[in-house]
Amino acid sequence: MENILQRDEYKFLREDKRLGKNIAYLTIAGSIAYGTNTENSDVDVRGFAVEKIDSILTGKAFEQFDDDKTDTVIYGLRKYFKLCADCNPNVLELLGTKPEHVLYMSDAGKKVRDNAEIFLSKLAYQKFVGYATAQLRRLQNALAHDSYPQREKNLHILKSIQSMMIANRQAYALEHAEINFEPVDDEIFISICADKLPLKNFLAMNSGLQTLLNNYAKLNHRNRKKDENHLHKHAMHLIRLYMTGIDILQGRGVVTYREKDLSLLKKIRAGEIPLDDVFKMADEFESEIFSAYKNSKLPDVPDATKIDKLLLEIYREHG
């Protein structure tokens, strides 16, 4: 791992003008970072770079650099901070990798990693649970469950919606709105009773529901073409998401390499645990993470002032 960046296929990290000396943080990600890799696992590299001030002022700053050949993704610092503040699982986990998996870290990168807690909030419930439960329900349908009648499928979708709405009610100030979902025949109906509901909050809720339904259909279509090994790998990642979300909500920070859970996660990935048992396990984790959310001492949303202060500090030091 120490010499991976010296390989010829990674020379773009040194030669691309947007990267090079602007790179602040690089770490191994994916299965290797989780400890669930096999001999056939790819090496995923993720990180972020500090954009040049002149590129920001002229509107030419990059948000994200992708190299498909090496499966490398480098975020611009502004986008990285935004995704972290949104509790995006894919970017938060980069700050919780094992020290030996960190390939490069400048002073700016160390500041971000050392201050990972400023990004953490109860939004983790919405992001981790909403994603994981929706994926699990879709995974069920992607298996032999395609023979389910539409009403049965709607029950799976409805459970994902209910999980998402628990967090959305607080995030979008919908506590006093009466919102009910009901599956009837081949449809899911929504009833809303609210007074002076802010339009932007209603639109945000609507956008979230639309994304959930769209992703549900996409994964259903995609997973039908996947073999059983991929499905087990996918199920393993979903259980891992629950575990990581619980850690965050209970105040243990971001734990990417789950040493105490590796035996279970590897068994799921190897197909040693039937998927129906994985689904039951997911239901148990769903209850546990909801309890962690209700009892969490984290703020409802991250402190934007602290995040902005750190962002400006890094830009000023970077020049």
Protein backbone atom coordinates (compact mmCIF):
# COMPACT_ATOMS: atom_id res chain seq x y z
CA MET A 1 0.00 0.00 0.00
CA GLU A 2 2.85 2.39 0.79
CA ASN A 3 4.12 2.33 -2.79
CA ILE A 4 0.81 2.30 -4.62
CA LEU A 5 0.95 5.99 -5.53
CA GLN A 6 4.31 5.50 -7.24
CA ARG A 7 2.80 3.18 -9.83
CA ASP A 8 2.66 4.53 -13.33
CA GLU A 9 -1.14 4.32 -13.50
CA TYR A 10 -1.35 6.87 -10.67
CA LYS A 11 0.88 9.46 -12.28
CA PHE A 12 -2.18 11.65 -12.93
CA LEU A 13 -2.17 12.43 -9.20
CA ARG A 14 1.18 14.13 -9.64
CA GLU A 15 0.75 15.57 -13.12
CA ASP A 16 -2.79 16.97 -13.17
CA LYS A 17 -2.64 20.70 -12.33
CA ARG A 18 -5.80 20.49 -10.23
CA LEU A 19 -4.22 17.80 -8.07
CA GLY A 20 -0.46 17.53 -7.53
CA LYS A 21 0.57 19.75 -4.61
CA ASN A 22 -3.09 20.65 -4.01
CA ILE A 23 -3.92 17.15 -2.77
CA ALA A 24 -4.51 17.22 0.97
CA TYR A 25 -5.66 13.70 1.74
CA LEU A 26 -5.60 10.28 0.12
CA THR A 27 -6.78 7.05 1.69
CA ILE A 28 -7.65 3.50 0.73
CA ALA A 29 -11.41 3.05 0.60
CA GLY A 30 -13.88 0.29 -0.21
CA SER A 31 -13.55 -3.33 0.90
CA ILE A 32 -9.90 -3.03 1.93
CA ALA A 33 -10.74 -0.11 4.22
CA TYR A 34 -13.63 -2.11 5.71
CA GLY A 35 -11.48 -5.21 6.20
CA THR A 36 -13.89 -7.30 4.12
CA ASN A 37 -11.71 -7.57 0.99
CA THR A 38 -10.90 -10.77 -0.85
CA GLU A 39 -7.97 -11.60 -3.11
CA ASN A 40 -10.02 -10.29 -6.04
CA SER A 41 -10.93 -6.95 -4.46
CA ASP A 42 -9.99 -3.76 -6.29
CA VAL A 43 -7.91 -1.03 -4.68
CA ASP A 44 -10.08 2.07 -4.27
CA VAL A 45 -8.38 5.41 -3.60
CA ARG A 46 -10.36 8.39 -2.33
CA GLY A 47 -9.43 11.82 -1.06
CA PHE A 48 -9.74 15.57 -1.43
CA ALA A 49 -7.69 18.47 -2.72
CA VAL A 50 -7.66 22.18 -1.86
CA GLU A 51 -8.73 24.14 -4.91
CA LYS A 52 -6.69 27.21 -5.85
CA ILE A 53 -8.26 30.50 -4.78
CA ASP A 54 -8.11 31.97 -8.28
CA SER A 55 -10.02 29.00 -9.68
CA ILE A 56 -12.75 29.52 -7.08
CA LEU A 57 -13.02 33.25 -7.77
CA THR A 58 -13.24 32.68 -11.52
CA GLY A 59 -15.76 29.85 -11.17
CA LYS A 60 -13.36 27.26 -12.60
CA ALA A 61 -12.72 25.25 -9.46
CA PHE A 62 -13.29 21.51 -9.86
CA GLU A 63 -15.75 19.66 -7.66
CA GLN A 64 -14.73 16.09 -8.30
CA PHE A 65 -11.99 14.28 -10.23
CA ASP A 66 -12.60 10.69 -11.33
CA ASP A 67 -10.16 8.21 -12.81
CA ASP A 68 -12.10 5.13 -13.84
CA LYS A 69 -9.03 3.04 -14.67
CA THR A 70 -7.78 3.09 -11.09
CA ASP A 71 -11.16 3.69 -9.43
CA THR A 72 -9.86 6.90 -7.87
CA VAL A 73 -12.06 9.80 -6.77
CA ILE A 74 -10.67 13.13 -5.53
CA TYR A 75 -13.11 15.77 -4.26
CA GLY A 76 -12.61 19.50 -4.22
CA LEU A 77 -12.50 20.70 -0.62
CA ARG A 78 -15.75 22.68 -0.83
CA LYS A 79 -17.72 19.73 -2.18
CA TYR A 80 -16.09 17.39 0.32
CA PHE A 81 -17.11 19.60 3.23
CA LYS A 82 -20.67 19.86 1.90
CA LEU A 83 -21.01 16.08 1.56
CA CYS A 84 -19.57 15.53 5.04
CA ALA A 85 -21.97 18.10 6.52
CA ASP A 86 -24.81 16.19 4.84
CA CYS A 87 -23.58 13.01 6.58
CA ASN A 88 -22.96 11.28 3.26
CA PRO A 89 -21.73 7.78 4.22
CA ASN A 90 -19.36 7.45 1.26
CA VAL A 91 -17.33 10.52 2.20
CA LEU A 92 -17.58 10.41 6.00
CA GLU A 93 -16.03 6.94 6.07
CA LEU A 94 -12.84 8.35 4.54
CA LEU A 95 -12.15 10.14 7.84
CA GLY A 96 -12.42 6.92 9.84
CA THR A 97 -10.04 4.65 7.94
CA LYS A 98 -7.15 2.96 9.73
CA PRO A 99 -3.99 5.11 9.94
CA GLU A 100 -2.09 2.54 7.86
CA HIS A 101 -4.66 2.97 5.08
CA VAL A 102 -3.96 6.69 4.78
CA LEU A 103 -1.68 7.08 1.76
CA TYR A 104 -1.02 10.79 2.04
CA MET A 105 -2.04 13.52 4.47
CA SER A 106 -0.92 17.15 4.43
CA ASP A 107 -1.40 19.54 7.34
CA ALA A 108 -4.76 20.51 5.80
CA GLY A 109 -5.79 16.89 5.50
CA LYS A 110 -4.81 16.23 9.12
CA LYS A 111 -6.93 19.17 10.27
CA VAL A 112 -9.98 17.76 8.53
CA ARG A 113 -9.44 14.24 9.85
CA ASP A 114 -8.75 15.50 13.39
CA ASN A 115 -11.95 17.55 13.32
CA ALA A 116 -14.25 14.91 11.83
CA GLU A 117 -16.65 15.31 14.76
CA ILE A 118 -17.77 18.76 13.58
CA PHE A 119 -19.54 17.12 10.64
CA LEU A 120 -21.48 14.61 12.73
CA SER A 121 -25.13 15.13 13.59
CA LYS A 122 -28.46 13.33 13.85
CA LEU A 123 -28.65 13.61 10.07
CA ALA A 124 -26.69 10.36 10.18
CA TYR A 125 -29.96 8.59 10.93
CA GLN A 126 -31.65 9.93 7.83
CA LYS A 127 -28.66 9.26 5.58
CA PHE A 128 -27.48 5.88 6.84
CA VAL A 129 -30.86 4.36 7.69
CA GLY A 130 -32.72 5.82 4.76
CA TYR A 131 -30.15 4.44 2.36
CA ALA A 132 -29.69 1.09 4.05
CA THR A 133 -33.34 0.22 4.59
CA ALA A 134 -34.32 1.28 1.09
CA GLN A 135 -31.51 -0.82 -0.35
CA LEU A 136 -32.49 -3.83 1.69
CA ARG A 137 -36.11 -3.68 0.59
CA ARG A 138 -35.03 -3.34 -3.02
CA LEU A 139 -32.59 -6.20 -2.56
CA GLN A 140 -35.46 -8.40 -1.43
CA ASN A 141 -37.36 -7.61 -4.59
CA ALA A 142 -34.25 -8.18 -6.70
CA LEU A 143 -34.18 -11.79 -5.57
CA ALA A 144 -36.98 -14.26 -6.17
CA HIS A 145 -39.34 -11.67 -4.72
CA ASP A 146 -40.07 -10.31 -8.18
CA SER A 147 -43.00 -12.71 -8.08
CA TYR A 148 -44.50 -10.68 -5.22
CA PRO A 149 -47.70 -8.87 -6.09
CA GLN A 150 -47.33 -5.09 -6.35
CA ARG A 151 -49.15 -4.58 -3.04
CA GLU A 152 -46.52 -6.69 -1.25
CA LYS A 153 -43.74 -4.72 -2.92
CA ASN A 154 -45.44 -1.51 -1.84
CA LEU A 155 -45.24 -2.66 1.78
CA HIS A 156 -41.44 -2.85 1.44
CA ILE A 157 -41.37 0.60 -0.15
CA LEU A 158 -43.64 1.96 2.57
CA LYS A 159 -41.28 0.79 5.31
CA SER A 160 -38.43 2.67 3.63
CA ILE A 161 -40.61 5.78 3.39
CA GLN A 162 -41.51 5.57 7.08
CA SER A 163 -37.84 5.36 8.08
CA MET A 164 -37.00 8.34 5.92
CA MET A 165 -39.88 10.42 7.29
CA ILE A 166 -38.80 9.95 10.91
CA ALA A 167 -35.74 12.09 10.24
CA ASN A 168 -37.42 14.32 7.63
CA ARG A 169 -40.07 15.53 10.05
CA GLN A 170 -37.43 17.15 12.21
CA ALA A 171 -35.06 18.21 9.45
CA TYR A 172 -37.83 19.97 7.49
CA ALA A 173 -39.87 21.21 10.47
CA LEU A 174 -42.82 18.95 9.66
CA GLU A 175 -43.54 17.89 13.26
CA HIS A 176 -46.96 19.55 13.25
CA ALA A 177 -47.98 18.31 9.82
CA GLU A 178 -50.18 15.23 9.65
CA ILE A 179 -48.69 13.04 6.92
CA ASN A 180 -49.91 9.49 6.35
CA PHE A 181 -49.03 6.90 3.72
CA GLU A 182 -51.29 3.99 2.89
CA PRO A 183 -50.89 1.14 0.38
CA VAL A 184 -54.13 0.45 -1.50
CA ASP A 185 -54.17 -2.20 -4.21
CA ASP A 186 -51.35 -1.27 -6.62
CA GLU A 187 -50.71 2.25 -5.30
CA ILE A 188 -49.35 4.05 -2.27
CA PHE A 189 -51.50 7.03 -1.28
CA ILE A 190 -50.39 10.01 0.79
CA SER A 191 -52.65 12.21 2.94
CA ILE A 192 -51.33 15.55 4.16
CA CYS A 193 -52.95 17.97 6.60
CA ALA A 194 -50.79 21.01 7.35
CA ASP A 195 -51.18 24.72 7.95
CA LYS A 196 -48.68 27.19 6.51
CA LEU A 197 -46.15 24.54 5.59
CA PRO A 198 -43.06 26.27 4.13
CA LEU A 199 -42.96 25.56 0.41
CA LYS A 200 -39.23 24.81 0.44
CA ASN A 201 -39.76 22.17 3.14
CA PHE A 202 -42.59 20.54 1.21
CA LEU A 203 -40.49 20.49 -1.97
CA ALA A 204 -37.52 19.00 -0.08
CA MET A 205 -39.73 16.22 1.27
CA ASN A 206 -41.19 15.62 -2.17
CA SER A 207 -37.71 15.46 -3.72
CA GLY A 208 -36.60 12.91 -1.15
CA LEU A 209 -39.60 10.70 -1.82
CA GLN A 210 -39.07 10.94 -5.57
CA THR A 211 -35.42 9.94 -5.21
CA LEU A 212 -36.35 6.98 -3.01
CA LEU A 213 -38.88 5.69 -5.55
CA ASN A 214 -36.55 6.25 -8.51
CA ASN A 215 -33.66 4.47 -6.83
CA TYR A 216 -35.95 1.63 -5.82
CA ALA A 217 -36.88 0.99 -9.46
CA LYS A 218 -33.27 1.36 -10.68
CA LEU A 219 -31.82 -1.13 -8.23
CA ASN A 220 -34.60 -3.61 -8.89
CA HIS A 221 -33.74 -3.54 -12.58
CA ARG A 222 -30.00 -3.62 -12.02
CA ASN A 223 -29.84 -6.38 -9.41
CA ARG A 224 -31.78 -8.86 -11.49
CA LYS A 225 -28.68 -9.10 -13.67
CA LYS A 226 -26.27 -9.64 -10.79
CA ASP A 227 -25.07 -13.02 -9.65
CA GLU A 228 -25.54 -14.29 -6.14
CA ASN A 229 -22.03 -13.31 -5.01
CA HIS A 230 -22.70 -9.68 -5.81
CA LEU A 231 -25.98 -9.79 -3.92
CA HIS A 232 -24.26 -11.16 -0.81
CA LYS A 233 -21.58 -8.47 -1.08
CA HIS A 234 -24.30 -5.85 -1.37
CA ALA A 235 -26.11 -7.23 1.68
CA MET A 236 -22.88 -7.13 3.68
CA HIS A 237 -22.39 -3.45 2.87
CA LEU A 238 -25.94 -2.67 3.96
CA ILE A 239 -25.48 -4.27 7.37
CA ARG A 240 -22.18 -2.43 7.70
CA LEU A 241 -24.01 0.85 7.08
CA TYR A 242 -26.32 0.21 10.01
CA MET A 243 -23.34 -0.54 12.25
CA THR A 244 -21.49 2.60 11.20
CA GLY A 245 -24.56 4.78 11.66
CA ILE A 246 -25.13 3.42 15.17
CA ASP A 247 -21.54 4.24 16.12
CA ILE A 248 -21.94 7.82 14.92
CA LEU A 249 -25.25 8.39 16.71
CA GLN A 250 -23.93 6.88 19.93
CA GLY A 251 -20.95 9.24 19.91
CA ARG A 252 -18.18 6.81 18.93
CA GLY A 253 -17.31 8.70 15.76
CA VAL A 254 -16.68 7.24 12.31
CA VAL A 255 -15.43 3.64 12.49
CA THR A 256 -14.65 2.42 8.97
CA TYR A 257 -12.57 -0.67 9.74
CA ARG A 258 -14.96 -2.73 11.85
CA GLU A 259 -12.60 -5.18 13.50
CA LYS A 260 -15.10 -6.54 16.03
CA ASP A 261 -17.70 -7.09 13.30
CA LEU A 262 -15.44 -8.58 10.62
CA SER A 263 -16.38 -12.19 11.28
CA LEU A 264 -20.10 -11.49 10.79
CA LEU A 265 -19.58 -9.22 7.78
CA LYS A 266 -17.32 -11.73 6.05
CA LYS A 267 -19.83 -14.52 6.62
CA ILE A 268 -22.55 -12.41 5.00
CA ARG A 269 -20.30 -11.63 2.05
CA ALA A 270 -19.35 -15.30 1.63
CA GLY A 271 -23.02 -16.30 1.55
CA GLU A 272 -22.69 -18.32 4.77
CA ILE A 273 -25.70 -16.49 6.21
CA PRO A 274 -28.95 -16.84 4.19
CA LEU A 275 -30.25 -13.55 2.83
CA ASP A 276 -33.57 -14.04 4.61
CA ASP A 277 -31.60 -14.09 7.88
CA VAL A 278 -29.75 -10.95 6.79
CA PHE A 279 -33.12 -9.25 6.27
CA LYS A 280 -34.20 -10.23 9.79
CA MET A 281 -30.88 -8.92 11.08
CA ALA A 282 -31.50 -5.65 9.27
CA ASP A 283 -34.87 -5.27 11.01
CA GLU A 284 -33.12 -5.66 14.38
CA PHE A 285 -30.51 -3.06 13.43
CA GLU A 286 -33.30 -0.77 12.29
CA SER A 287 -34.75 -0.81 15.80
CA GLU A 288 -31.33 -0.35 17.37
CA ILE A 289 -30.36 2.61 15.23
CA PHE A 290 -33.72 4.29 15.85
CA SER A 291 -33.10 3.98 19.58
CA ALA A 292 -29.60 5.43 19.07
CA TYR A 293 -31.13 8.31 17.14
CA LYS A 294 -33.71 9.08 19.83
CA ASN A 295 -31.07 9.03 22.57
CA SER A 296 -28.25 10.65 20.61
CA LYS A 297 -26.48 13.65 22.11
CA LEU A 298 -25.43 14.86 18.68
CA PRO A 299 -26.93 18.12 17.35
CA ASP A 300 -29.84 17.91 14.92
CA VAL A 301 -27.60 19.39 12.22
CA PRO A 302 -23.86 20.14 12.22
CA ASP A 303 -22.55 23.51 13.37
CA ALA A 304 -22.20 25.45 10.10
CA THR A 305 -20.09 28.12 11.80
CA LYS A 306 -17.43 25.63 12.87
CA ILE A 307 -17.40 24.01 9.43
CA ASP A 308 -17.05 27.36 7.64
CA LYS A 309 -14.31 28.43 10.03
CA LEU A 310 -12.26 25.31 9.31
CA LEU A 311 -12.86 25.64 5.57
CA LEU A 312 -11.67 29.27 5.50
CA GLU A 313 -8.69 28.47 7.70
CA ILE A 314 -7.49 25.82 5.27
CA TYR A 315 -7.95 28.05 2.22
CA ARG A 316 -6.04 30.90 3.87
CA GLU A 317 -3.14 28.63 4.83
CA HIS A 318 -3.10 26.98 1.43
CA GLY A 319 -2.85 30.35 -0.34
